[in-house]
Amino acid sequence: MAPRANWKGHLKIGELAAAVALYSAATTSDRVSFNMINRRTGHRIERHFVDSETGEPVDRDDQVKGYDTGGDPIVFEPEEIAAAMPESDKTIAVDAFIPCAEIDDIYLDRSYYLAPADRHAEEAFALLREGMRAEKVAALARAVLFRRARLLLIRPEGDGMIATTLHFAYEMRSAAEAFEGIAEPAIEGEMLELAEHIIRSKAGRFDPAAFDDRYDAALAELVKAKIEGRELPKPKPVERTKSSDLLAALRESAGVGGKPGRGSAKGRTAAKGAPQRKSRSAATRRKAG
């Protein structure tokens, strides 16, 4: 069965337009999910909106958006909010094209598959897609999606495109504030060499399929254990590496655990030689595989 489109409209660049449809790229339907239930009765709990002062349930027709002014709130009807949108909610309007190398992924939000909405749009859609692919650029566009003005980053992908919503600059917190106060210890010598070796020895490629959702798998095992009446699994605590043990932990991770330190020639040989031998062995195994 073909997926159901989340949104349909037009992708527009100047006077060129193509009917398109957006499809969610991610789904949570396969995750383990729980229901909220009443512990005493075992019945599912339903959520209702109630008046914060009277405690009385509020009908859906009486639920409206309001803005807090500190006194009486200002009430807005749905059509008033919809009329305030500066653009049509059925157009993805491209503002500019940027080199793919300039994309800052911290602004990326949620991704969708973008495809032609009908046969008549396929030629115009393909023209835009292949032009972007040839120039190695992505499109920056604006649209009203799900009653909210959004920025979109659009990139060619196979026979279609990927449209990713972006956070606005005002939504992003300052990195400087988050990193404020982080110490800058001098990292050099054997510690740095060992850290570099560990990183090289774990070099890989981005392959999402190679990673499992361990939390979801743990929840599935928890449910199974409950059903079968088995002892529930217990989490293993993670011990933090103390600063005094940092060098020893690095040596152990690099496979040179009990070797002498850099203070002697033997120590320097062990620290540099052992990681290199391990790296060659790993490379040989990769070729053999």
Protein backbone atom coordinates (compact mmCIF):
# COMPACT_ATOMS: atom_id res chain seq x y z
CA MET A 1 0.00 0.00 0.00
CA ALA A 2 1.35 3.42 -0.98
CA PRO A 3 2.07 5.71 1.99
CA ARG A 4 -0.35 8.48 2.74
CA ALA A 5 0.94 12.00 2.07
CA ASN A 6 1.24 14.33 5.07
CA TRP A 7 0.94 17.41 2.86
CA LYS A 8 0.30 18.29 -0.78
CA GLY A 9 1.03 21.52 -2.62
CA HIS A 10 3.48 23.01 -5.12
CA LEU A 11 7.26 23.37 -5.18
CA LYS A 12 7.84 26.76 -6.79
CA ILE A 13 11.02 28.38 -8.14
CA GLY A 14 10.27 31.63 -9.91
CA GLU A 15 7.68 30.79 -12.55
CA LEU A 16 8.46 27.07 -12.50
CA ALA A 17 6.12 25.00 -10.32
CA ALA A 18 5.58 21.30 -9.74
CA ALA A 19 2.83 19.60 -7.74
CA VAL A 20 4.49 17.73 -4.86
CA ALA A 21 3.65 15.65 -1.83
CA LEU A 22 5.45 15.26 1.50
CA TYR A 23 5.73 11.90 3.23
CA SER A 24 7.14 11.35 6.72
CA ALA A 25 10.60 9.84 6.47
CA ALA A 26 10.53 8.44 10.02
CA THR A 27 7.95 6.37 11.87
CA THR A 28 7.58 5.21 15.46
CA SER A 29 4.95 2.56 14.72
CA ASP A 30 7.36 -0.34 15.37
CA ARG A 31 8.47 0.88 18.79
CA VAL A 32 7.31 -0.79 21.97
CA SER A 33 4.48 1.38 23.28
CA PHE A 34 2.68 1.52 26.59
CA ASN A 35 -0.77 2.71 27.62
CA MET A 36 -1.52 4.65 30.77
CA ILE A 37 -3.79 2.56 32.98
CA ASN A 38 -5.47 2.76 36.37
CA ARG A 39 -3.32 0.68 38.73
CA ARG A 40 -6.36 -0.31 40.83
CA THR A 41 -8.75 -1.33 38.02
CA GLY A 42 -6.42 -2.11 35.09
CA HIS A 43 -8.57 0.11 32.86
CA ARG A 44 -7.02 2.53 30.37
CA ILE A 45 -6.95 6.20 31.37
CA GLU A 46 -8.49 8.82 29.09
CA ARG A 47 -7.24 12.40 28.93
CA HIS A 48 -9.69 15.28 29.25
CA PHE A 49 -9.23 19.05 29.23
CA VAL A 50 -10.71 20.73 32.29
CA ASP A 51 -11.12 24.33 33.40
CA SER A 52 -8.20 25.20 35.70
CA GLU A 53 -10.49 27.12 38.07
CA THR A 54 -13.78 25.22 38.05
CA GLY A 55 -12.39 21.77 37.35
CA GLU A 56 -15.23 21.19 34.85
CA PRO A 57 -14.56 19.39 31.52
CA VAL A 58 -14.31 21.72 28.50
CA ASP A 59 -15.97 20.72 25.20
CA ARG A 60 -13.78 20.74 22.09
CA ASP A 61 -15.83 23.59 20.55
CA ASP A 62 -15.01 25.76 23.56
CA GLN A 63 -11.26 25.13 23.40
CA VAL A 64 -9.53 28.13 21.77
CA LYS A 65 -6.03 29.58 21.79
CA GLY A 66 -5.28 32.50 24.06
CA TYR A 67 -2.36 34.83 24.76
CA ASP A 68 -1.46 35.61 28.37
CA THR A 69 -1.25 39.35 29.01
CA GLY A 70 -0.98 39.12 32.77
CA GLY A 71 -4.66 39.91 33.11
CA ASP A 72 -7.54 38.65 31.01
CA PRO A 73 -6.15 36.54 28.15
CA ILE A 74 -6.69 37.58 24.53
CA VAL A 75 -8.68 34.89 22.72
CA PHE A 76 -7.95 34.00 19.08
CA GLU A 77 -10.23 32.04 16.77
CA PRO A 78 -8.62 29.45 14.43
CA GLU A 79 -9.52 31.46 11.31
CA GLU A 80 -7.87 34.58 12.78
CA ILE A 81 -4.59 32.74 13.26
CA ALA A 82 -4.81 31.15 9.80
CA ALA A 83 -5.37 34.59 8.20
CA ALA A 84 -2.18 35.92 9.81
CA MET A 85 0.03 33.50 7.86
CA PRO A 86 2.06 35.57 5.36
CA GLU A 87 2.10 32.90 2.64
CA SER A 88 -0.10 30.26 1.14
CA ASP A 89 -0.17 26.97 3.01
CA LYS A 90 0.00 25.12 -0.31
CA THR A 91 3.32 26.39 -1.70
CA ILE A 92 6.96 25.55 -0.99
CA ALA A 93 8.68 28.67 -2.30
CA VAL A 94 12.44 28.38 -2.94
CA ASP A 95 14.42 31.45 -1.84
CA ALA A 96 17.97 30.38 -2.68
CA PHE A 97 20.33 27.53 -3.52
CA ILE A 98 23.35 26.87 -1.31
CA PRO A 99 26.35 24.52 -1.67
CA CYS A 100 25.73 21.26 0.18
CA ALA A 101 29.05 21.74 2.00
CA GLU A 102 27.64 24.85 3.72
CA ILE A 103 24.79 23.02 5.46
CA ASP A 104 25.07 23.28 9.26
CA ASP A 105 23.32 20.16 10.53
CA ILE A 106 22.61 21.64 13.97
CA TYR A 107 19.66 23.44 12.38
CA LEU A 108 18.12 20.25 10.94
CA ASP A 109 14.80 19.25 12.47
CA ARG A 110 12.51 16.66 10.82
CA SER A 111 12.89 15.03 7.41
CA TYR A 112 10.26 14.20 4.81
CA TYR A 113 10.34 12.50 1.41
CA LEU A 114 9.37 14.92 -1.34
CA ALA A 115 7.89 13.40 -4.50
CA PRO A 116 5.75 14.47 -7.48
CA ALA A 117 2.07 14.54 -6.56
CA ASP A 118 0.95 13.30 -9.98
CA ARG A 119 2.22 12.25 -13.42
CA HIS A 120 1.90 15.75 -14.84
CA ALA A 121 4.45 17.08 -12.30
CA GLU A 122 7.16 14.47 -12.92
CA GLU A 123 9.02 16.30 -15.71
CA ALA A 124 9.26 19.63 -13.88
CA PHE A 125 10.16 17.81 -10.66
CA ALA A 126 12.94 15.84 -12.39
CA LEU A 127 14.29 19.00 -14.01
CA LEU A 128 14.67 20.69 -10.60
CA ARG A 129 16.12 17.57 -8.98
CA GLU A 130 18.75 16.92 -11.65
CA GLY A 131 19.71 20.59 -11.88
CA MET A 132 20.38 20.65 -8.13
CA ARG A 133 22.27 17.38 -8.30
CA ALA A 134 24.49 18.61 -11.13
CA GLU A 135 25.32 21.83 -9.27
CA LYS A 136 25.74 20.02 -5.91
CA VAL A 137 23.41 22.44 -4.18
CA ALA A 138 20.43 22.29 -1.85
CA ALA A 139 17.39 24.56 -1.93
CA LEU A 140 16.37 26.81 0.94
CA ALA A 141 12.61 27.26 0.89
CA ARG A 142 9.69 28.57 2.92
CA ALA A 143 6.30 26.97 3.47
CA VAL A 144 3.41 26.85 5.90
CA LEU A 145 3.31 23.27 7.13
CA PHE A 146 0.77 22.06 9.64
CA ARG A 147 -0.30 25.63 10.53
CA ARG A 148 3.23 26.87 11.11
CA ALA A 149 5.65 28.82 8.93
CA ARG A 150 8.73 26.68 8.37
CA LEU A 151 12.12 26.85 6.68
CA LEU A 152 12.96 23.85 4.52
CA LEU A 153 16.21 22.42 3.19
CA ILE A 154 15.59 20.37 0.02
CA ARG A 155 18.17 17.95 -1.41
CA PRO A 156 18.08 15.41 -4.27
CA GLU A 157 17.85 11.79 -3.13
CA GLY A 158 17.52 8.94 -5.62
CA ASP A 159 14.45 9.49 -7.78
CA GLY A 160 13.01 12.01 -5.34
CA MET A 161 14.13 14.63 -2.85
CA ILE A 162 14.51 14.99 0.90
CA ALA A 163 12.86 18.03 2.52
CA THR A 164 14.07 18.73 6.04
CA THR A 165 12.49 21.34 8.26
CA LEU A 166 14.98 23.74 9.85
CA HIS A 167 15.02 25.53 13.16
CA PHE A 168 14.99 29.32 12.93
CA ALA A 169 18.06 31.09 14.29
CA TYR A 170 16.08 32.53 17.21
CA GLU A 171 15.17 28.99 18.31
CA MET A 172 18.79 27.93 18.72
CA ARG A 173 20.50 28.36 22.06
CA SER A 174 23.98 29.80 22.20
CA ALA A 175 26.75 27.19 22.11
CA ALA A 176 28.97 29.60 24.04
CA GLU A 177 26.51 29.51 26.96
CA ALA A 178 26.40 25.71 26.97
CA PHE A 179 30.20 25.40 26.84
CA GLU A 180 30.92 28.22 29.29
CA GLY A 181 33.21 27.16 32.10
CA ILE A 182 34.62 24.07 30.39
CA ALA A 183 38.25 23.70 31.42
CA GLU A 184 40.99 23.47 28.80
CA PRO A 185 43.58 21.04 30.19
CA ALA A 186 46.80 20.53 28.24
CA ILE A 187 46.39 17.25 26.33
CA GLU A 188 49.66 16.07 24.78
CA GLY A 189 52.26 13.35 24.70
CA GLU A 190 51.30 9.71 25.26
CA MET A 191 47.71 10.50 26.27
CA LEU A 192 47.02 12.29 23.00
CA GLU A 193 48.77 9.61 20.93
CA LEU A 194 46.72 6.86 22.58
CA ALA A 195 43.47 8.79 22.12
CA GLU A 196 44.26 9.31 18.44
CA HIS A 197 45.03 5.61 18.01
CA ILE A 198 41.76 4.54 19.67
CA ILE A 199 39.82 6.84 17.35
CA ARG A 200 41.64 5.50 14.27
CA SER A 201 41.09 1.89 15.34
CA LYS A 202 37.31 2.50 15.50
CA ALA A 203 37.07 4.31 12.18
CA GLY A 204 33.91 3.38 10.24
CA ARG A 205 31.24 4.63 7.85
CA PHE A 206 27.80 6.06 8.52
CA ASP A 207 25.38 3.13 8.30
CA PRO A 208 22.21 3.60 10.41
CA ALA A 209 21.18 -0.02 9.72
CA ALA A 210 24.23 -1.22 11.64
CA PHE A 211 22.86 0.20 14.90
CA ASP A 212 20.04 -1.26 16.98
CA ASP A 213 17.62 0.60 19.21
CA ARG A 214 18.92 -0.90 22.44
CA TYR A 215 16.35 0.89 24.57
CA ASP A 216 13.45 -0.48 22.55
CA ALA A 217 15.01 -3.96 22.62
CA ALA A 218 15.40 -3.65 26.39
CA LEU A 219 11.73 -2.68 26.73
CA ALA A 220 10.70 -5.69 24.61
CA GLU A 221 12.78 -7.97 26.86
CA LEU A 222 11.25 -6.33 29.94
CA VAL A 223 7.72 -7.02 28.65
CA LYS A 224 8.65 -10.62 27.81
CA ALA A 225 10.18 -11.17 31.26
CA LYS A 226 7.05 -9.79 32.94
CA ILE A 227 4.77 -12.05 30.89
CA GLU A 228 6.88 -15.14 31.65
CA GLY A 229 7.28 -14.26 35.33
CA ARG A 230 11.08 -14.18 35.11
CA GLU A 231 13.41 -12.01 37.15
CA LEU A 232 13.58 -8.56 35.62
CA PRO A 233 16.91 -7.49 34.07
CA LYS A 234 18.94 -5.02 36.12
CA PRO A 235 20.93 -2.17 34.56
CA LYS A 236 24.70 -2.27 34.86
CA PRO A 237 26.15 0.90 36.39
CA VAL A 238 28.73 2.81 34.37
CA GLU A 239 31.81 3.74 36.36
CA ARG A 240 33.33 7.11 35.55
CA THR A 241 37.01 7.25 34.76
CA LYS A 242 38.83 9.32 37.34
CA SER A 243 41.45 11.81 36.19
CA SER A 244 44.13 9.81 38.02
CA ASP A 245 43.12 6.67 36.07
CA LEU A 246 42.80 8.34 32.67
CA LEU A 247 46.16 7.28 31.29
CA ALA A 248 45.69 3.68 32.48
CA ALA A 249 42.22 3.57 30.87
CA LEU A 250 43.64 4.86 27.59
CA ARG A 251 46.43 2.25 27.64
CA GLU A 252 43.92 -0.52 28.36
CA SER A 253 41.63 0.66 25.55
CA ALA A 254 44.57 0.82 23.14
CA GLY A 255 45.79 -2.66 24.11
CA VAL A 256 48.96 -1.58 25.93
CA GLY A 257 47.55 -1.95 29.44
CA GLY A 258 50.45 -2.75 31.74
CA LYS A 259 53.29 -1.34 29.65
CA PRO A 260 55.79 1.15 31.13
CA GLY A 261 55.09 4.83 30.60
CA ARG A 262 56.77 7.35 28.31
CA GLY A 263 59.50 7.98 30.82
CA SER A 264 61.59 5.14 29.34
CA ALA A 265 62.56 4.06 25.85
CA LYS A 266 60.80 0.73 26.42
CA GLY A 267 57.64 2.58 27.38
CA ARG A 268 57.74 4.74 24.27
CA THR A 269 58.22 1.67 22.06
CA ALA A 270 55.29 -0.11 23.68
CA ALA A 271 52.98 2.90 23.45
CA LYS A 272 53.72 3.50 19.79
CA GLY A 273 54.51 -0.01 18.55
CA ALA A 274 51.61 -2.02 19.98
CA PRO A 275 48.84 0.20 18.58
CA GLN A 276 50.43 0.07 15.12
CA ARG A 277 50.58 -3.74 15.16
CA LYS A 278 46.92 -3.87 16.24
CA SER A 279 45.95 -1.41 13.50
CA ARG A 280 47.64 -3.56 10.81
CA SER A 281 45.88 -6.64 12.14
CA ALA A 282 42.52 -4.89 11.97
CA ALA A 283 43.23 -3.78 8.40
CA THR A 284 44.11 -7.36 7.46
CA ARG A 285 40.85 -8.62 8.94
CA ARG A 286 38.86 -6.04 7.01
CA LYS A 287 40.49 -7.11 3.74
CA ALA A 288 39.86 -10.75 4.54
CA GLY A 289 36.19 -9.99 5.20
